Structure formats: C-alpha cells, structure tokens
Amino acid sequence: MALADFTPDKVTVPLGKTASVDVRGLGIQDFSQLMHVHLDDLGGLIELYEKSGGNFTEAGLLQFVLRLVTDAPGLVAHAIALAADEPTLVDKASSLPIPVQLKLVQTIGALTFEDFGGAKKTMAMFENLLASAAMMSRPAAANA
C-alpha cells in the first residue's frame, strides 16, 4: 500500500444519546503539539511513570489514566480534539462528561498503540517519550 492510500483507522464513540465523534490514533505531530502546549501538565505524570519503573500493572495503568484526567484535563481535552481532527474544539472536548472523556482516552490510546505489540511495547514508547519530556523540562544547564 502506498502512503497516499493510507487512511487512519477511526472509531465512533457516542457522546450521549444523540451525538458521537470519530477519533483516530495520535501521531508524532499530535504528540509534539501536546508536549509543547502541556509540558507543565506532564510533570506529575512523568513522576508517576518514573515511580512505576515503567512497569504498569492494570491498576497502575488505571491510576495513570485517572491522574491524567484529574491533573491534566487540558491535555486530555486537547488530545481528544486532535484525535477528532478538530483541533480548535478543545473547549468542547473539555466540556464532555468524565465517563465520555475516559472512553475517548481509552479508544484513542488503543488506536494509537494497538498495532505496536501491546502494553509492554507501548509503555516502552511512553518511557522514551516521557524521558524526552523530562529532558525538555529541565533547565539547559542541567542537560549539558
């Protein structure tokens, strides 16, 4: 298949009784935007990830997602808007009910990582991403 023929997989997630949204997995460009806009929000998440040693159990992953929703709601809303290909609708995404946001985060996460070998490889990718974020958040002198 040629790149020109590629269309990202999308899943329709209900937003309530009468509305729904189609979302796709996030790409590098999306992650770059999220990191540039929400780097401060990532601090607590990086800490939680580092404490886990990069080895999330199912309960640990749930704790990570819950912390993501509670400590970084702007990041969650922005990720939802990007995955819906509606990056200007972050405010709308932020007004969705918590269960809908959680379902969207779960769906977007699956679409983003499911083709890459499951949770272990996904966590390894997250580790690299979070390590990069941690390096970017340190003063330049500390990185030298």
N, C-alpha and C. Protein backbone atom coordinates (compact mmCIF):
# COMPACT_ATOMS: atom_id res chain seq x y z
N MET A 1 0.85 -1.17 0.00
CA MET A 1 0.00 0.00 0.00
C MET A 1 0.89 1.24 0.00
N ALA A 2 0.54 2.19 -0.77
CA ALA A 2 1.26 3.46 -0.83
C ALA A 2 0.78 4.38 0.28
N LEU A 3 1.65 5.29 0.67
CA LEU A 3 1.29 6.27 1.70
C LEU A 3 0.04 7.05 1.28
N ALA A 4 -0.07 7.34 0.00
CA ALA A 4 -1.24 8.07 -0.49
C ALA A 4 -2.55 7.32 -0.25
N ASP A 5 -2.45 6.01 -0.11
CA ASP A 5 -3.65 5.18 0.10
C ASP A 5 -4.00 5.02 1.58
N PHE A 6 -3.13 5.50 2.45
CA PHE A 6 -3.35 5.30 3.89
C PHE A 6 -4.45 6.23 4.42
N THR A 7 -5.34 5.65 5.18
CA THR A 7 -6.34 6.39 5.93
C THR A 7 -6.32 5.85 7.35
N PRO A 8 -6.13 6.73 8.34
CA PRO A 8 -6.09 6.22 9.72
C PRO A 8 -7.40 5.55 10.11
N ASP A 9 -7.27 4.47 10.86
CA ASP A 9 -8.47 3.82 11.40
C ASP A 9 -9.16 4.80 12.34
N LYS A 10 -10.47 4.80 12.32
CA LYS A 10 -11.26 5.65 13.21
C LYS A 10 -12.31 4.79 13.90
N VAL A 11 -12.66 5.22 15.09
CA VAL A 11 -13.72 4.57 15.86
C VAL A 11 -14.72 5.64 16.25
N THR A 12 -15.99 5.30 16.15
CA THR A 12 -17.05 6.22 16.55
C THR A 12 -17.37 5.98 18.02
N VAL A 13 -17.28 7.06 18.81
CA VAL A 13 -17.57 6.99 20.24
C VAL A 13 -18.80 7.85 20.51
N PRO A 14 -19.83 7.28 21.15
CA PRO A 14 -21.02 8.08 21.47
C PRO A 14 -20.68 9.15 22.50
N LEU A 15 -21.25 10.34 22.30
CA LEU A 15 -21.07 11.44 23.25
C LEU A 15 -22.30 11.63 24.13
N GLY A 16 -23.27 10.86 23.90
CA GLY A 16 -24.53 10.95 24.64
C GLY A 16 -25.58 10.22 23.82
N LYS A 17 -26.81 10.64 23.97
CA LYS A 17 -27.91 9.95 23.29
C LYS A 17 -28.01 10.32 21.82
N THR A 18 -27.56 11.52 21.45
CA THR A 18 -27.79 11.96 20.08
C THR A 18 -26.53 12.34 19.31
N ALA A 19 -25.39 12.33 19.94
CA ALA A 19 -24.16 12.77 19.26
C ALA A 19 -23.07 11.72 19.39
N SER A 20 -22.12 11.78 18.48
CA SER A 20 -20.96 10.90 18.52
C SER A 20 -19.79 11.62 17.87
N VAL A 21 -18.60 11.06 18.05
CA VAL A 21 -17.41 11.62 17.43
C VAL A 21 -16.54 10.48 16.92
N ASP A 22 -15.95 10.69 15.76
CA ASP A 22 -14.99 9.73 15.22
C ASP A 22 -13.60 10.17 15.65
N VAL A 23 -12.83 9.25 16.22
CA VAL A 23 -11.46 9.57 16.64
C VAL A 23 -10.49 8.58 16.01
N ARG A 24 -9.25 9.05 15.90
CA ARG A 24 -8.16 8.25 15.35
C ARG A 24 -7.04 8.20 16.37
N GLY A 25 -6.06 7.39 16.11
CA GLY A 25 -4.87 7.37 16.95
C GLY A 25 -4.05 8.63 16.73
N LEU A 26 -3.23 8.96 17.72
CA LEU A 26 -2.39 10.16 17.64
C LEU A 26 -1.07 9.83 16.98
N GLY A 27 -0.57 10.80 16.23
CA GLY A 27 0.73 10.66 15.58
C GLY A 27 1.77 11.54 16.26
N ILE A 28 2.97 11.50 15.73
CA ILE A 28 4.08 12.27 16.29
C ILE A 28 3.76 13.77 16.30
N GLN A 29 3.17 14.28 15.24
CA GLN A 29 2.82 15.70 15.18
C GLN A 29 1.85 16.06 16.31
N ASP A 30 0.90 15.18 16.58
CA ASP A 30 -0.04 15.40 17.68
C ASP A 30 0.68 15.42 19.02
N PHE A 31 1.58 14.44 19.23
CA PHE A 31 2.33 14.39 20.48
C PHE A 31 3.20 15.64 20.65
N SER A 32 3.77 16.09 19.56
CA SER A 32 4.59 17.30 19.61
C SER A 32 3.76 18.50 20.07
N GLN A 33 2.59 18.65 19.50
CA GLN A 33 1.70 19.75 19.91
C GLN A 33 1.33 19.63 21.38
N LEU A 34 0.98 18.42 21.80
CA LEU A 34 0.59 18.21 23.19
C LEU A 34 1.73 18.53 24.14
N MET A 35 2.93 18.12 23.78
CA MET A 35 4.08 18.36 24.65
C MET A 35 4.43 19.85 24.71
N HIS A 36 4.34 20.54 23.60
CA HIS A 36 4.66 21.97 23.60
C HIS A 36 3.64 22.78 24.40
N VAL A 37 2.39 22.42 24.29
CA VAL A 37 1.33 23.19 24.96
C VAL A 37 1.17 22.77 26.42
N HIS A 38 1.38 21.50 26.72
CA HIS A 38 1.03 20.96 28.05
C HIS A 38 2.23 20.37 28.80
N LEU A 39 3.41 20.85 28.52
CA LEU A 39 4.60 20.29 29.16
C LEU A 39 4.51 20.39 30.68
N ASP A 40 3.98 21.50 31.19
CA ASP A 40 3.84 21.65 32.65
C ASP A 40 2.91 20.59 33.23
N ASP A 41 1.84 20.26 32.49
CA ASP A 41 0.90 19.24 32.96
C ASP A 41 1.55 17.87 33.05
N LEU A 42 2.58 17.65 32.26
CA LEU A 42 3.21 16.34 32.21
C LEU A 42 4.10 16.04 33.41
N GLY A 43 4.45 17.05 34.20
CA GLY A 43 5.34 16.84 35.34
C GLY A 43 4.90 15.75 36.28
N GLY A 44 3.67 15.82 36.76
CA GLY A 44 3.15 14.80 37.67
C GLY A 44 3.02 13.44 37.01
N LEU A 45 2.71 13.43 35.74
CA LEU A 45 2.59 12.17 35.02
C LEU A 45 3.95 11.51 34.85
N ILE A 46 4.96 12.33 34.58
CA ILE A 46 6.32 11.80 34.45
C ILE A 46 6.75 11.19 35.78
N GLU A 47 6.45 11.91 36.87
CA GLU A 47 6.80 11.41 38.20
C GLU A 47 6.11 10.07 38.48
N LEU A 48 4.83 9.97 38.18
CA LEU A 48 4.08 8.74 38.40
C LEU A 48 4.67 7.61 37.55
N TYR A 49 5.01 7.92 36.31
CA TYR A 49 5.58 6.90 35.44
C TYR A 49 6.94 6.44 35.96
N GLU A 50 7.77 7.39 36.39
CA GLU A 50 9.09 7.03 36.92
C GLU A 50 8.97 6.18 38.17
N LYS A 51 7.99 6.48 39.04
CA LYS A 51 7.79 5.68 40.25
C LYS A 51 7.39 4.25 39.92
N SER A 52 6.69 4.08 38.80
CA SER A 52 6.27 2.74 38.41
C SER A 52 7.42 1.92 37.84
N GLY A 53 8.53 2.58 37.56
CA GLY A 53 9.65 1.89 36.93
C GLY A 53 9.35 1.49 35.50
N GLY A 54 8.34 2.12 34.93
CA GLY A 54 7.97 1.80 33.55
C GLY A 54 7.22 0.50 33.43
N ASN A 55 6.76 -0.04 34.56
CA ASN A 55 6.09 -1.33 34.55
C ASN A 55 4.71 -1.18 35.18
N PHE A 56 3.74 -0.77 34.38
CA PHE A 56 2.40 -0.57 34.88
C PHE A 56 1.65 -1.89 34.94
N THR A 57 1.07 -2.16 36.09
CA THR A 57 0.08 -3.22 36.20
C THR A 57 -1.22 -2.63 35.69
N GLU A 58 -2.26 -3.43 35.62
CA GLU A 58 -3.56 -2.89 35.19
C GLU A 58 -4.01 -1.79 36.15
N ALA A 59 -3.82 -2.00 37.45
CA ALA A 59 -4.19 -0.99 38.45
C ALA A 59 -3.32 0.26 38.29
N GLY A 60 -2.04 0.06 38.00
CA GLY A 60 -1.15 1.19 37.80
C GLY A 60 -1.52 2.00 36.58
N LEU A 61 -1.92 1.30 35.52
CA LEU A 61 -2.34 1.98 34.31
C LEU A 61 -3.62 2.77 34.57
N LEU A 62 -4.54 2.20 35.34
CA LEU A 62 -5.76 2.92 35.70
C LEU A 62 -5.41 4.16 36.51
N GLN A 63 -4.49 4.04 37.45
CA GLN A 63 -4.06 5.19 38.24
C GLN A 63 -3.46 6.26 37.34
N PHE A 64 -2.67 5.84 36.36
CA PHE A 64 -2.06 6.78 35.42
C PHE A 64 -3.14 7.52 34.63
N VAL A 65 -4.13 6.79 34.11
CA VAL A 65 -5.20 7.42 33.34
C VAL A 65 -6.01 8.36 34.22
N LEU A 66 -6.32 7.93 35.45
CA LEU A 66 -7.07 8.79 36.35
C LEU A 66 -6.29 10.06 36.69
N ARG A 67 -4.99 9.92 36.88
CA ARG A 67 -4.17 11.10 37.16
C ARG A 67 -4.11 12.00 35.94
N LEU A 68 -4.06 11.41 34.77
CA LEU A 68 -4.08 12.18 33.53
C LEU A 68 -5.34 13.03 33.47
N VAL A 69 -6.48 12.43 33.78
CA VAL A 69 -7.75 13.14 33.72
C VAL A 69 -7.85 14.20 34.82
N THR A 70 -7.36 13.90 36.02
CA THR A 70 -7.51 14.85 37.12
C THR A 70 -6.44 15.94 37.13
N ASP A 71 -5.19 15.59 36.77
CA ASP A 71 -4.10 16.55 36.84
C ASP A 71 -3.84 17.28 35.53
N ALA A 72 -4.30 16.73 34.44
CA ALA A 72 -4.01 17.33 33.14
C ALA A 72 -5.25 17.35 32.25
N PRO A 73 -6.34 17.94 32.74
CA PRO A 73 -7.56 17.93 31.93
C PRO A 73 -7.41 18.68 30.60
N GLY A 74 -6.57 19.71 30.57
CA GLY A 74 -6.34 20.42 29.31
C GLY A 74 -5.65 19.54 28.29
N LEU A 75 -4.72 18.73 28.77
CA LEU A 75 -4.02 17.79 27.90
C LEU A 75 -5.01 16.77 27.34
N VAL A 76 -5.89 16.25 28.18
CA VAL A 76 -6.89 15.28 27.74
C VAL A 76 -7.80 15.90 26.69
N ALA A 77 -8.32 17.09 26.96
CA ALA A 77 -9.22 17.75 26.01
C ALA A 77 -8.51 18.02 24.69
N HIS A 78 -7.27 18.46 24.78
CA HIS A 78 -6.51 18.75 23.56
C HIS A 78 -6.28 17.46 22.76
N ALA A 79 -5.93 16.37 23.43
CA ALA A 79 -5.72 15.09 22.75
C ALA A 79 -7.02 14.63 22.07
N ILE A 80 -8.14 14.79 22.74
CA ILE A 80 -9.43 14.41 22.16
C ILE A 80 -9.70 15.24 20.91
N ALA A 81 -9.49 16.54 21.00
CA ALA A 81 -9.74 17.42 19.85
C ALA A 81 -8.84 17.05 18.67
N LEU A 82 -7.57 16.76 18.96
CA LEU A 82 -6.65 16.36 17.89
C LEU A 82 -7.07 15.04 17.26
N ALA A 83 -7.44 14.07 18.10
CA ALA A 83 -7.83 12.75 17.60
C ALA A 83 -9.13 12.81 16.80
N ALA A 84 -9.95 13.82 17.07
CA ALA A 84 -11.19 14.01 16.33
C ALA A 84 -10.97 14.86 15.07
N ASP A 85 -9.71 15.25 14.84
CA ASP A 85 -9.37 16.14 13.72
C ASP A 85 -10.13 17.46 13.79
N GLU A 86 -10.34 17.93 15.02
CA GLU A 86 -10.99 19.22 15.26
C GLU A 86 -10.17 19.97 16.31
N PRO A 87 -8.93 20.35 15.99
CA PRO A 87 -8.02 20.92 16.99
C PRO A 87 -8.48 22.24 17.59
N THR A 88 -9.42 22.91 16.97
CA THR A 88 -9.91 24.17 17.52
C THR A 88 -11.04 23.96 18.52
N LEU A 89 -11.47 22.73 18.72
CA LEU A 89 -12.61 22.47 19.61
C LEU A 89 -12.19 21.89 20.96
N VAL A 90 -11.05 22.35 21.47
CA VAL A 90 -10.57 21.89 22.77
C VAL A 90 -11.59 22.22 23.86
N ASP A 91 -12.21 23.41 23.79
CA ASP A 91 -13.21 23.79 24.81
C ASP A 91 -14.40 22.83 24.79
N LYS A 92 -14.84 22.43 23.61
CA LYS A 92 -15.95 21.46 23.52
C LYS A 92 -15.53 20.12 24.13
N ALA A 93 -14.32 19.68 23.80
CA ALA A 93 -13.83 18.41 24.34
C ALA A 93 -13.73 18.46 25.86
N SER A 94 -13.34 19.62 26.39
CA SER A 94 -13.20 19.74 27.84
C SER A 94 -14.54 19.74 28.55
N SER A 95 -15.62 20.01 27.84
CA SER A 95 -16.93 20.04 28.48
C SER A 95 -17.66 18.69 28.43
N LEU A 96 -17.03 17.69 27.84
CA LEU A 96 -17.64 16.36 27.80
C LEU A 96 -17.66 15.76 29.21
N PRO A 97 -18.65 14.95 29.51
CA PRO A 97 -18.70 14.29 30.82
C PRO A 97 -17.48 13.37 31.02
N ILE A 98 -17.08 13.20 32.27
CA ILE A 98 -15.91 12.40 32.60
C ILE A 98 -15.97 10.99 31.99
N PRO A 99 -17.09 10.26 32.11
CA PRO A 99 -17.09 8.91 31.52
C PRO A 99 -16.83 8.92 30.01
N VAL A 100 -17.33 9.94 29.33
CA VAL A 100 -17.11 10.06 27.89
C VAL A 100 -15.63 10.34 27.63
N GLN A 101 -15.04 11.25 28.41
CA GLN A 101 -13.62 11.55 28.24
C GLN A 101 -12.77 10.29 28.48
N LEU A 102 -13.10 9.54 29.51
CA LEU A 102 -12.35 8.31 29.80
C LEU A 102 -12.47 7.31 28.65
N LYS A 103 -13.67 7.15 28.10
CA LYS A 103 -13.88 6.25 26.97
C LYS A 103 -13.08 6.73 25.77
N LEU A 104 -13.06 8.04 25.54
CA LEU A 104 -12.29 8.59 24.43
C LEU A 104 -10.79 8.37 24.63
N VAL A 105 -10.29 8.60 25.84
CA VAL A 105 -8.87 8.38 26.12
C VAL A 105 -8.52 6.91 25.88
N GLN A 106 -9.36 6.01 26.34
CA GLN A 106 -9.13 4.58 26.14
C GLN A 106 -9.12 4.24 24.65
N THR A 107 -10.08 4.75 23.92
CA THR A 107 -10.19 4.47 22.49
C THR A 107 -9.01 5.05 21.72
N ILE A 108 -8.67 6.29 22.02
CA ILE A 108 -7.54 6.94 21.34
C ILE A 108 -6.24 6.20 21.67
N GLY A 109 -6.08 5.80 22.92
CA GLY A 109 -4.89 5.04 23.30
C GLY A 109 -4.78 3.73 22.53
N ALA A 110 -5.89 3.02 22.41
CA ALA A 110 -5.88 1.76 21.66
C ALA A 110 -5.55 2.01 20.19
N LEU A 111 -6.15 3.03 19.60
CA LEU A 111 -5.88 3.33 18.19
C LEU A 111 -4.44 3.79 17.98
N THR A 112 -3.87 4.44 18.97
CA THR A 112 -2.51 4.95 18.86
C THR A 112 -1.48 3.83 18.98
N PHE A 113 -1.73 2.86 19.86
CA PHE A 113 -0.68 1.90 20.21
C PHE A 113 -0.97 0.44 19.91
N GLU A 114 -2.20 0.07 19.57
CA GLU A 114 -2.53 -1.36 19.49
C GLU A 114 -1.75 -2.11 18.41
N ASP A 115 -1.33 -1.45 17.37
CA ASP A 115 -0.60 -2.13 16.30
C ASP A 115 0.88 -2.30 16.60
N PHE A 116 1.32 -1.88 17.78
CA PHE A 116 2.74 -1.87 18.07
C PHE A 116 3.14 -2.87 19.13
N GLY A 117 2.40 -3.94 19.30
CA GLY A 117 2.84 -5.02 20.16
C GLY A 117 2.28 -5.01 21.55
N GLY A 118 1.23 -4.29 21.81
CA GLY A 118 0.58 -4.36 23.11
C GLY A 118 1.17 -3.44 24.16
N ALA A 119 0.78 -3.70 25.40
CA ALA A 119 1.08 -2.80 26.52
C ALA A 119 2.57 -2.64 26.78
N LYS A 120 3.33 -3.72 26.73
CA LYS A 120 4.75 -3.63 27.07
C LYS A 120 5.51 -2.72 26.10
N LYS A 121 5.32 -2.92 24.82
CA LYS A 121 5.98 -2.07 23.84
C LYS A 121 5.43 -0.65 23.90
N THR A 122 4.14 -0.53 24.16
CA THR A 122 3.54 0.79 24.29
C THR A 122 4.18 1.55 25.46
N MET A 123 4.36 0.86 26.57
CA MET A 123 4.97 1.51 27.73
C MET A 123 6.42 1.89 27.44
N ALA A 124 7.11 1.07 26.66
CA ALA A 124 8.49 1.42 26.29
C ALA A 124 8.49 2.69 25.44
N MET A 125 7.53 2.81 24.55
CA MET A 125 7.44 4.03 23.75
C MET A 125 7.12 5.22 24.64
N PHE A 126 6.20 5.03 25.59
CA PHE A 126 5.88 6.10 26.54
C PHE A 126 7.12 6.49 27.34
N GLU A 127 7.89 5.49 27.76
CA GLU A 127 9.09 5.77 28.54
C GLU A 127 10.03 6.69 27.76
N ASN A 128 10.24 6.39 26.51
CA ASN A 128 11.10 7.23 25.68
C ASN A 128 10.50 8.63 25.52
N LEU A 129 9.22 8.70 25.32
CA LEU A 129 8.55 9.98 25.16
C LEU A 129 8.62 10.79 26.45
N LEU A 130 8.34 10.15 27.58
CA LEU A 130 8.37 10.85 28.85
C LEU A 130 9.79 11.25 29.24
N ALA A 131 10.75 10.42 28.91
CA ALA A 131 12.14 10.79 29.19
C ALA A 131 12.52 12.02 28.38
N SER A 132 12.07 12.09 27.15
CA SER A 132 12.32 13.28 26.33
C SER A 132 11.65 14.50 26.93
N ALA A 133 10.43 14.33 27.40
CA ALA A 133 9.72 15.45 28.02
C ALA A 133 10.44 15.91 29.27
N ALA A 134 10.93 14.96 30.06
CA ALA A 134 11.65 15.32 31.28
C ALA A 134 12.92 16.11 30.93
N MET A 135 13.62 15.69 29.90
CA MET A 135 14.83 16.41 29.49
C MET A 135 14.49 17.82 29.02
N MET A 136 13.38 17.98 28.31
CA MET A 136 13.00 19.31 27.81
C MET A 136 12.56 20.22 28.94
N SER A 137 12.05 19.65 30.01
CA SER A 137 11.53 20.48 31.10
C SER A 137 12.64 20.95 32.06
N ARG A 138 13.85 20.36 31.94
CA ARG A 138 14.97 20.74 32.79
C ARG A 138 15.65 21.98 32.20
N PRO A 139 16.22 22.81 33.06
CA PRO A 139 16.99 23.96 32.55
C PRO A 139 18.13 23.49 31.65
N ALA A 140 18.51 24.33 30.70
CA ALA A 140 19.53 23.96 29.72
C ALA A 140 20.84 23.56 30.40
N ALA A 141 21.22 24.24 31.47
CA ALA A 141 22.48 23.93 32.18
C ALA A 141 22.47 22.50 32.72
N ALA A 142 21.31 22.01 33.15
CA ALA A 142 21.20 20.66 33.71
C ALA A 142 21.35 19.60 32.63
N ASN A 143 21.04 19.95 31.39
CA ASN A 143 21.13 19.00 30.29
C ASN A 143 22.53 18.91 29.71
N ALA A 144 23.40 19.86 30.06
CA ALA A 144 24.74 19.89 29.46
C ALA A 144 25.67 18.88 30.10
